[in-house]
Amino acid sequence: LTTQEQHIVDFILQNPSIVFTNSAQQLAQ
């Protein structure tokens, strides 16, 4: 994974519900 991709993974692992309530664009923001 790139640094940015790893950051997204870490964010999801700490905030699982964020995946179900946000679009790809919102998650990117």
PDB file of all heavy atoms in Angstrom:
ATOM      1  N   LEU A   1       0.832  -1.197   0.000  1.00  0.00           N
ATOM      2  CA  LEU A   1       0.000   0.000   0.000  1.00  0.00           C
ATOM      3  C   LEU A   1       0.870   1.253   0.000  1.00  0.00           C
ATOM      4  O   LEU A   1       1.942   1.277   0.592  1.00  0.00           O
ATOM      5  CB  LEU A   1      -0.913   0.021   1.239  1.00  0.00           C
ATOM      6  CG  LEU A   1      -1.903  -1.142   1.399  1.00  0.00           C
ATOM      7  CD1 LEU A   1      -2.682  -0.983   2.698  1.00  0.00           C
ATOM      8  CD2 LEU A   1      -2.843  -1.222   0.211  1.00  0.00           C
ATOM      9  N   THR A   2       0.355   2.286  -0.651  1.00  0.00           N
ATOM     10  CA  THR A   2       1.031   3.580  -0.585  1.00  0.00           C
ATOM     11  C   THR A   2       0.728   4.204   0.778  1.00  0.00           C
ATOM     12  O   THR A   2      -0.123   3.733   1.538  1.00  0.00           O
ATOM     13  CB  THR A   2       0.529   4.511  -1.697  1.00  0.00           C
ATOM     14  OG1 THR A   2      -0.856   4.809  -1.472  1.00  0.00           O
ATOM     15  CG2 THR A   2       0.683   3.857  -3.064  1.00  0.00           C
ATOM     16  N   THR A   3       1.418   5.294   1.068  1.00  0.00           N
ATOM     17  CA  THR A   3       1.194   5.981   2.343  1.00  0.00           C
ATOM     18  C   THR A   3      -0.258   6.450   2.479  1.00  0.00           C
ATOM     19  O   THR A   3      -0.884   6.307   3.534  1.00  0.00           O
ATOM     20  CB  THR A   3       2.130   7.192   2.468  1.00  0.00           C
ATOM     21  OG1 THR A   3       3.490   6.755   2.363  1.00  0.00           O
ATOM     22  CG2 THR A   3       1.932   7.907   3.799  1.00  0.00           C
ATOM     23  N   GLN A   4      -0.800   6.975   1.382  1.00  0.00           N
ATOM     24  CA  GLN A   4      -2.183   7.451   1.411  1.00  0.00           C
ATOM     25  C   GLN A   4      -3.160   6.288   1.590  1.00  0.00           C
ATOM     26  O   GLN A   4      -4.131   6.397   2.356  1.00  0.00           O
ATOM     27  CB  GLN A   4      -2.505   8.200   0.112  1.00  0.00           C
ATOM     28  CG  GLN A   4      -1.852   9.574   0.016  1.00  0.00           C
ATOM     29  CD  GLN A   4      -2.296  10.308  -1.218  1.00  0.00           C
ATOM     30  OE1 GLN A   4      -2.454   9.726  -2.286  1.00  0.00           O
ATOM     31  NE2 GLN A   4      -2.494  11.620  -1.092  1.00  0.00           N
ATOM     32  N   GLU A   5      -2.897   5.191   0.892  1.00  0.00           N
ATOM     33  CA  GLU A   5      -3.780   4.028   1.008  1.00  0.00           C
ATOM     34  C   GLU A   5      -3.750   3.458   2.413  1.00  0.00           C
ATOM     35  O   GLU A   5      -4.782   3.072   2.971  1.00  0.00           O
ATOM     36  CB  GLU A   5      -3.378   2.966  -0.023  1.00  0.00           C
ATOM     37  CG  GLU A   5      -3.671   3.364  -1.457  1.00  0.00           C
ATOM     38  CD  GLU A   5      -3.002   2.457  -2.474  1.00  0.00           C
ATOM     39  OE1 GLU A   5      -2.138   1.628  -2.063  1.00  0.00           O
ATOM     40  OE2 GLU A   5      -3.319   2.567  -3.670  1.00  0.00           O
ATOM     41  N   GLN A   6      -2.569   3.405   3.013  1.00  0.00           N
ATOM     42  CA  GLN A   6      -2.448   2.896   4.374  1.00  0.00           C
ATOM     43  C   GLN A   6      -3.190   3.812   5.355  1.00  0.00           C
ATOM     44  O   GLN A   6      -3.806   3.336   6.316  1.00  0.00           O
ATOM     45  CB  GLN A   6      -0.973   2.790   4.769  1.00  0.00           C
ATOM     46  CG  GLN A   6      -0.749   2.135   6.130  1.00  0.00           C
ATOM     47  CD  GLN A   6      -1.256   0.694   6.168  1.00  0.00           C
ATOM     48  OE1 GLN A   6      -0.834  -0.132   5.368  1.00  0.00           O
ATOM     49  NE2 GLN A   6      -2.151   0.404   7.104  1.00  0.00           N
ATOM     50  N   HIS A   7      -3.151   5.106   5.079  1.00  0.00           N
ATOM     51  CA  HIS A   7      -3.865   6.056   5.938  1.00  0.00           C
ATOM     52  C   HIS A   7      -5.377   5.798   5.869  1.00  0.00           C
ATOM     53  O   HIS A   7      -6.068   5.845   6.902  1.00  0.00           O
ATOM     54  CB  HIS A   7      -3.554   7.482   5.502  1.00  0.00           C
ATOM     55  CG  HIS A   7      -4.321   8.526   6.254  1.00  0.00           C
ATOM     56  ND1 HIS A   7      -4.251   8.682   7.625  1.00  0.00           N
ATOM     57  CD2 HIS A   7      -5.217   9.468   5.814  1.00  0.00           C
ATOM     58  CE1 HIS A   7      -5.051   9.654   8.003  1.00  0.00           C
ATOM     59  NE2 HIS A   7      -5.644  10.149   6.928  1.00  0.00           N
ATOM     60  N   ILE A   8      -5.874   5.530   4.676  1.00  0.00           N
ATOM     61  CA  ILE A   8      -7.308   5.237   4.524  1.00  0.00           C
ATOM     62  C   ILE A   8      -7.672   3.964   5.279  1.00  0.00           C
ATOM     63  O   ILE A   8      -8.694   3.901   5.969  1.00  0.00           O
ATOM     64  CB  ILE A   8      -7.678   5.098   3.028  1.00  0.00           C
ATOM     65  CG1 ILE A   8      -7.456   6.412   2.290  1.00  0.00           C
ATOM     66  CG2 ILE A   8      -9.141   4.653   2.881  1.00  0.00           C
ATOM     67  CD1 ILE A   8      -7.593   6.301   0.787  1.00  0.00           C
ATOM     68  N   VAL A   9      -6.827   2.933   5.153  1.00  0.00           N
ATOM     69  CA  VAL A   9      -7.070   1.670   5.846  1.00  0.00           C
ATOM     70  C   VAL A   9      -7.117   1.894   7.353  1.00  0.00           C
ATOM     71  O   VAL A   9      -8.037   1.417   8.040  1.00  0.00           O
ATOM     72  CB  VAL A   9      -5.982   0.628   5.491  1.00  0.00           C
ATOM     73  CG1 VAL A   9      -6.025  -0.547   6.466  1.00  0.00           C
ATOM     74  CG2 VAL A   9      -6.181   0.128   4.067  1.00  0.00           C
ATOM     75  N   ASP A  10      -6.145   2.617   7.875  1.00  0.00           N
ATOM     76  CA  ASP A  10      -6.107   2.885   9.313  1.00  0.00           C
ATOM     77  C   ASP A  10      -7.352   3.641   9.761  1.00  0.00           C
ATOM     78  O   ASP A  10      -7.912   3.372  10.837  1.00  0.00           O
ATOM     79  CB  ASP A  10      -4.859   3.692   9.659  1.00  0.00           C
ATOM     80  CG  ASP A  10      -3.577   2.899   9.449  1.00  0.00           C
ATOM     81  OD1 ASP A  10      -3.660   1.650   9.428  1.00  0.00           O
ATOM     82  OD2 ASP A  10      -2.503   3.525   9.303  1.00  0.00           O
ATOM     83  N   PHE A  11      -7.780   4.579   8.931  1.00  0.00           N
ATOM     84  CA  PHE A  11      -8.961   5.369   9.257  1.00  0.00           C
ATOM     85  C   PHE A  11     -10.211   4.489   9.301  1.00  0.00           C
ATOM     86  O   PHE A  11     -11.046   4.606  10.208  1.00  0.00           O
ATOM     87  CB  PHE A  11      -9.130   6.484   8.222  1.00  0.00           C
ATOM     88  CG  PHE A  11     -10.228   7.463   8.543  1.00  0.00           C
ATOM     89  CD1 PHE A  11     -10.009   8.501   9.429  1.00  0.00           C
ATOM     90  CD2 PHE A  11     -11.478   7.337   7.958  1.00  0.00           C
ATOM     91  CE1 PHE A  11     -11.017   9.405   9.732  1.00  0.00           C
ATOM     92  CE2 PHE A  11     -12.486   8.236   8.255  1.00  0.00           C
ATOM     93  CZ  PHE A  11     -12.262   9.275   9.145  1.00  0.00           C
ATOM     94  N   ILE A  12     -10.329   3.576   8.336  1.00  0.00           N
ATOM     95  CA  ILE A  12     -11.495   2.681   8.285  1.00  0.00           C
ATOM     96  C   ILE A  12     -11.491   1.723   9.471  1.00  0.00           C
ATOM     97  O   ILE A  12     -12.524   1.469  10.086  1.00  0.00           O
ATOM     98  CB  ILE A  12     -11.512   1.895   6.961  1.00  0.00           C
ATOM     99  CG1 ILE A  12     -11.793   2.837   5.787  1.00  0.00           C
ATOM    100  CG2 ILE A  12     -12.568   0.787   7.001  1.00  0.00           C
ATOM    101  CD1 ILE A  12     -11.670   2.183   4.432  1.00  0.00           C
ATOM    102  N   LEU A  13     -10.310   1.198   9.792  1.00  0.00           N
ATOM    103  CA  LEU A  13     -10.230   0.263  10.912  1.00  0.00           C
ATOM    104  C   LEU A  13     -10.632   0.916  12.233  1.00  0.00           C
ATOM    105  O   LEU A  13     -11.161   0.259  13.130  1.00  0.00           O
ATOM    106  CB  LEU A  13      -8.810  -0.310  11.019  1.00  0.00           C
ATOM    107  CG  LEU A  13      -8.399  -1.277   9.904  1.00  0.00           C
ATOM    108  CD1 LEU A  13      -6.933  -1.663  10.039  1.00  0.00           C
ATOM    109  CD2 LEU A  13      -9.267  -2.530   9.916  1.00  0.00           C
ATOM    110  N   GLN A  14     -10.374   2.205  12.356  1.00  0.00           N
ATOM    111  CA  GLN A  14     -10.745   2.920  13.569  1.00  0.00           C
ATOM    112  C   GLN A  14     -12.180   3.453  13.517  1.00  0.00           C
ATOM    113  O   GLN A  14     -12.773   3.753  14.551  1.00  0.00           O
ATOM    114  CB  GLN A  14      -9.783   4.089  13.804  1.00  0.00           C
ATOM    115  CG  GLN A  14      -8.360   3.671  14.126  1.00  0.00           C
ATOM    116  CD  GLN A  14      -8.269   2.863  15.419  1.00  0.00           C
ATOM    117  OE1 GLN A  14      -8.980   3.142  16.380  1.00  0.00           O
ATOM    118  NE2 GLN A  14      -7.410   1.849  15.428  1.00  0.00           N
ATOM    119  N   ASN A  15     -12.722   3.568  12.302  1.00  0.00           N
ATOM    120  CA  ASN A  15     -14.064   4.132  12.122  1.00  0.00           C
ATOM    121  C   ASN A  15     -14.868   3.275  11.137  1.00  0.00           C
ATOM    122  O   ASN A  15     -15.165   3.710  10.021  1.00  0.00           O
ATOM    123  CB  ASN A  15     -13.971   5.569  11.583  1.00  0.00           C
ATOM    124  CG  ASN A  15     -13.118   6.466  12.447  1.00  0.00           C
ATOM    125  OD1 ASN A  15     -13.603   7.063  13.384  1.00  0.00           O
ATOM    126  ND2 ASN A  15     -11.826   6.551  12.121  1.00  0.00           N
ATOM    127  N   PRO A  16     -15.225   2.057  11.483  1.00  0.00           N
ATOM    128  CA  PRO A  16     -15.866   1.143  10.531  1.00  0.00           C
ATOM    129  C   PRO A  16     -17.168   1.654   9.935  1.00  0.00           C
ATOM    130  O   PRO A  16     -17.422   1.477   8.744  1.00  0.00           O
ATOM    131  CB  PRO A  16     -16.105  -0.118  11.366  1.00  0.00           C
ATOM    132  CG  PRO A  16     -16.056   0.332  12.776  1.00  0.00           C
ATOM    133  CD  PRO A  16     -15.062   1.450  12.812  1.00  0.00           C
ATOM    134  N   SER A  17     -17.993   2.322  10.742  1.00  0.00           N
ATOM    135  CA  SER A  17     -19.299   2.773  10.252  1.00  0.00           C
ATOM    136  C   SER A  17     -19.170   3.862   9.200  1.00  0.00           C
ATOM    137  O   SER A  17     -20.118   4.137   8.465  1.00  0.00           O
ATOM    138  CB  SER A  17     -20.168   3.264  11.411  1.00  0.00           C
ATOM    139  OG  SER A  17     -19.564   4.378  12.034  1.00  0.00           O
ATOM    140  N   ILE A  18     -18.009   4.492   9.105  1.00  0.00           N
ATOM    141  CA  ILE A  18     -17.809   5.576   8.155  1.00  0.00           C
ATOM    142  C   ILE A  18     -17.964   5.080   6.716  1.00  0.00           C
ATOM    143  O   ILE A  18     -18.368   5.819   5.817  1.00  0.00           O
ATOM    144  CB  ILE A  18     -16.408   6.219   8.364  1.00  0.00           C
ATOM    145  CG1 ILE A  18     -16.445   7.711   8.022  1.00  0.00           C
ATOM    146  CG2 ILE A  18     -15.336   5.526   7.561  1.00  0.00           C
ATOM    147  CD1 ILE A  18     -17.127   8.550   9.064  1.00  0.00           C
ATOM    148  N   VAL A  19     -17.661   3.814   6.483  1.00  0.00           N
ATOM    149  CA  VAL A  19     -17.757   3.234   5.135  1.00  0.00           C
ATOM    150  C   VAL A  19     -19.206   3.179   4.675  1.00  0.00           C
ATOM    151  O   VAL A  19     -19.504   3.363   3.491  1.00  0.00           O
ATOM    152  CB  VAL A  19     -17.137   1.817   5.117  1.00  0.00           C
ATOM    153  CG1 VAL A  19     -17.382   1.128   3.780  1.00  0.00           C
ATOM    154  CG2 VAL A  19     -15.646   1.898   5.404  1.00  0.00           C
ATOM    155  N   PHE A  20     -20.138   2.924   5.602  1.00  0.00           N
ATOM    156  CA  PHE A  20     -21.530   2.716   5.229  1.00  0.00           C
ATOM    157  C   PHE A  20     -22.307   4.023   5.092  1.00  0.00           C
ATOM    158  O   PHE A  20     -23.408   4.034   4.546  1.00  0.00           O
ATOM    159  CB  PHE A  20     -22.231   1.830   6.270  1.00  0.00           C
ATOM    160  CG  PHE A  20     -21.436   0.615   6.643  1.00  0.00           C
ATOM    161  CD1 PHE A  20     -21.237   0.277   7.966  1.00  0.00           C
ATOM    162  CD2 PHE A  20     -20.865  -0.189   5.669  1.00  0.00           C
ATOM    163  CE1 PHE A  20     -20.497  -0.840   8.313  1.00  0.00           C
ATOM    164  CE2 PHE A  20     -20.123  -1.298   5.998  1.00  0.00           C
ATOM    165  CZ  PHE A  20     -19.933  -1.626   7.326  1.00  0.00           C
ATOM    166  N   THR A  21     -21.748   5.114   5.580  1.00  0.00           N
ATOM    167  CA  THR A  21     -22.480   6.385   5.590  1.00  0.00           C
ATOM    168  C   THR A  21     -21.847   7.455   4.710  1.00  0.00           C
ATOM    169  O   THR A  21     -22.337   8.576   4.673  1.00  0.00           O
ATOM    170  CB  THR A  21     -22.586   6.930   7.038  1.00  0.00           C
ATOM    171  OG1 THR A  21     -21.273   7.061   7.597  1.00  0.00           O
ATOM    172  CG2 THR A  21     -23.415   5.994   7.909  1.00  0.00           C
ATOM    173  N   ASN A  22     -20.777   7.086   3.999  1.00  0.00           N
ATOM    174  CA  ASN A  22     -20.094   8.073   3.162  1.00  0.00           C
ATOM    175  C   ASN A  22     -19.742   7.494   1.801  1.00  0.00           C
ATOM    176  O   ASN A  22     -19.440   6.304   1.679  1.00  0.00           O
ATOM    177  CB  ASN A  22     -18.804   8.563   3.839  1.00  0.00           C
ATOM    178  CG  ASN A  22     -19.079   9.459   5.033  1.00  0.00           C
ATOM    179  OD1 ASN A  22     -19.268  10.665   4.902  1.00  0.00           O
ATOM    180  ND2 ASN A  22     -19.121   8.862   6.220  1.00  0.00           N
ATOM    181  N   SER A  23     -19.785   8.342   0.805  1.00  0.00           N
ATOM    182  CA  SER A  23     -19.385   7.947  -0.541  1.00  0.00           C
ATOM    183  C   SER A  23     -17.866   7.918  -0.630  1.00  0.00           C
ATOM    184  O   SER A  23     -17.155   8.329   0.310  1.00  0.00           O
ATOM    185  CB  SER A  23     -19.938   8.948  -1.559  1.00  0.00           C
ATOM    186  OG  SER A  23     -19.346  10.225  -1.359  1.00  0.00           O
ATOM    187  N   ALA A  24     -17.344   7.457  -1.762  1.00  0.00           N
ATOM    188  CA  ALA A  24     -15.893   7.437  -1.966  1.00  0.00           C
ATOM    189  C   ALA A  24     -15.328   8.853  -1.904  1.00  0.00           C
ATOM    190  O   ALA A  24     -14.252   9.084  -1.341  1.00  0.00           O
ATOM    191  CB  ALA A  24     -15.570   6.788  -3.312  1.00  0.00           C
ATOM    192  N   GLN A  25     -16.051   9.814  -2.467  1.00  0.00           N
ATOM    193  CA  GLN A  25     -15.587  11.202  -2.444  1.00  0.00           C
ATOM    194  C   GLN A  25     -15.569  11.742  -1.021  1.00  0.00           C
ATOM    195  O   GLN A  25     -14.613  12.435  -0.621  1.00  0.00           O
ATOM    196  CB  GLN A  25     -16.500  12.066  -3.312  1.00  0.00           C
ATOM    197  CG  GLN A  25     -16.045  13.518  -3.410  1.00  0.00           C
ATOM    198  CD  GLN A  25     -16.876  14.317  -4.403  1.00  0.00           C
ATOM    199  OE1 GLN A  25     -17.781  13.797  -5.020  1.00  0.00           O
ATOM    200  NE2 GLN A  25     -16.552  15.587  -4.558  1.00  0.00           N
ATOM    201  N   GLN A  26     -16.594  11.426  -0.244  1.00  0.00           N
ATOM    202  CA  GLN A  26     -16.646  11.901   1.140  1.00  0.00           C
ATOM    203  C   GLN A  26     -15.556  11.264   1.996  1.00  0.00           C
ATOM    204  O   GLN A  26     -14.944  11.918   2.838  1.00  0.00           O
ATOM    205  CB  GLN A  26     -18.027  11.609   1.728  1.00  0.00           C
ATOM    206  CG  GLN A  26     -19.140  12.450   1.116  1.00  0.00           C
ATOM    207  CD  GLN A  26     -20.525  11.956   1.495  1.00  0.00           C
ATOM    208  OE1 GLN A  26     -20.748  10.758   1.673  1.00  0.00           O
ATOM    209  NE2 GLN A  26     -21.464  12.882   1.625  1.00  0.00           N
ATOM    210  N   LEU A  27     -15.306   9.959   1.766  1.00  0.00           N
ATOM    211  CA  LEU A  27     -14.238   9.284   2.500  1.00  0.00           C
ATOM    212  C   LEU A  27     -12.886   9.889   2.152  1.00  0.00           C
ATOM    213  O   LEU A  27     -12.016  10.048   3.020  1.00  0.00           O
ATOM    214  CB  LEU A  27     -14.251   7.781   2.193  1.00  0.00           C
ATOM    215  CG  LEU A  27     -13.190   6.933   2.906  1.00  0.00           C
ATOM    216  CD1 LEU A  27     -13.329   7.050   4.425  1.00  0.00           C
ATOM    217  CD2 LEU A  27     -13.291   5.469   2.469  1.00  0.00           C
ATOM    218  N   ALA A  28     -12.726  10.225   0.878  1.00  0.00           N
ATOM    219  CA  ALA A  28     -11.473  10.862   0.450  1.00  0.00           C
ATOM    220  C   ALA A  28     -11.280  12.202   1.159  1.00  0.00           C
ATOM    221  O   ALA A  28     -10.168  12.539   1.581  1.00  0.00           O
ATOM    222  CB  ALA A  28     -11.484  11.056  -1.060  1.00  0.00           C
ATOM    223  N   GLN A  29     -12.352  12.967   1.300  1.00  0.00           N
ATOM    224  CA  GLN A  29     -12.255  14.256   1.987  1.00  0.00           C
ATOM    225  C   GLN A  29     -11.907  14.072   3.459  1.00  0.00           C
ATOM    226  O   GLN A  29     -11.105  14.821   4.018  1.00  0.00           O
ATOM    227  CB  GLN A  29     -13.579  15.007   1.853  1.00  0.00           C
ATOM    228  CG  GLN A  29     -13.876  15.479   0.433  1.00  0.00           C
ATOM    229  CD  GLN A  29     -15.257  16.099   0.303  1.00  0.00           C
ATOM    230  OE1 GLN A  29     -16.111  15.940   1.174  1.00  0.00           O
ATOM    231  NE2 GLN A  29     -15.487  16.807  -0.797  1.00  0.00           N
TER     232      GLN A  29
END
